[in-house]
Amino acid sequence: MRRTFYLLGVLDDEDIEWIASYGRRLGIQKDEVLIREGVAVDGLFILLDGNLNVTSGGRPYHPILRRDRG
């Protein structure tokens, strides 16, 4: 987790502008799956608002990480 914070911490204003310009907002529904274990991902998700749970092994009610933003 520290690597993630380090990566975001080294971004400058130009990097943030690029992300804002080329990124897109997704409205995610409750219990919608963003990333599946073992499946390649072609993007980066940044939580702007709401809650996010990380689970493993298909057990949605046993989160291994919870993040709140809002």
Foldseek 3Di string as FASTA:
>chain_A
DVVVVVVVVPDDPVNVVVCVVPPDDDDDDPPDDDDDPPDDDDDDDDDAAAKDFDDPDPPVVDGPDIDGHD
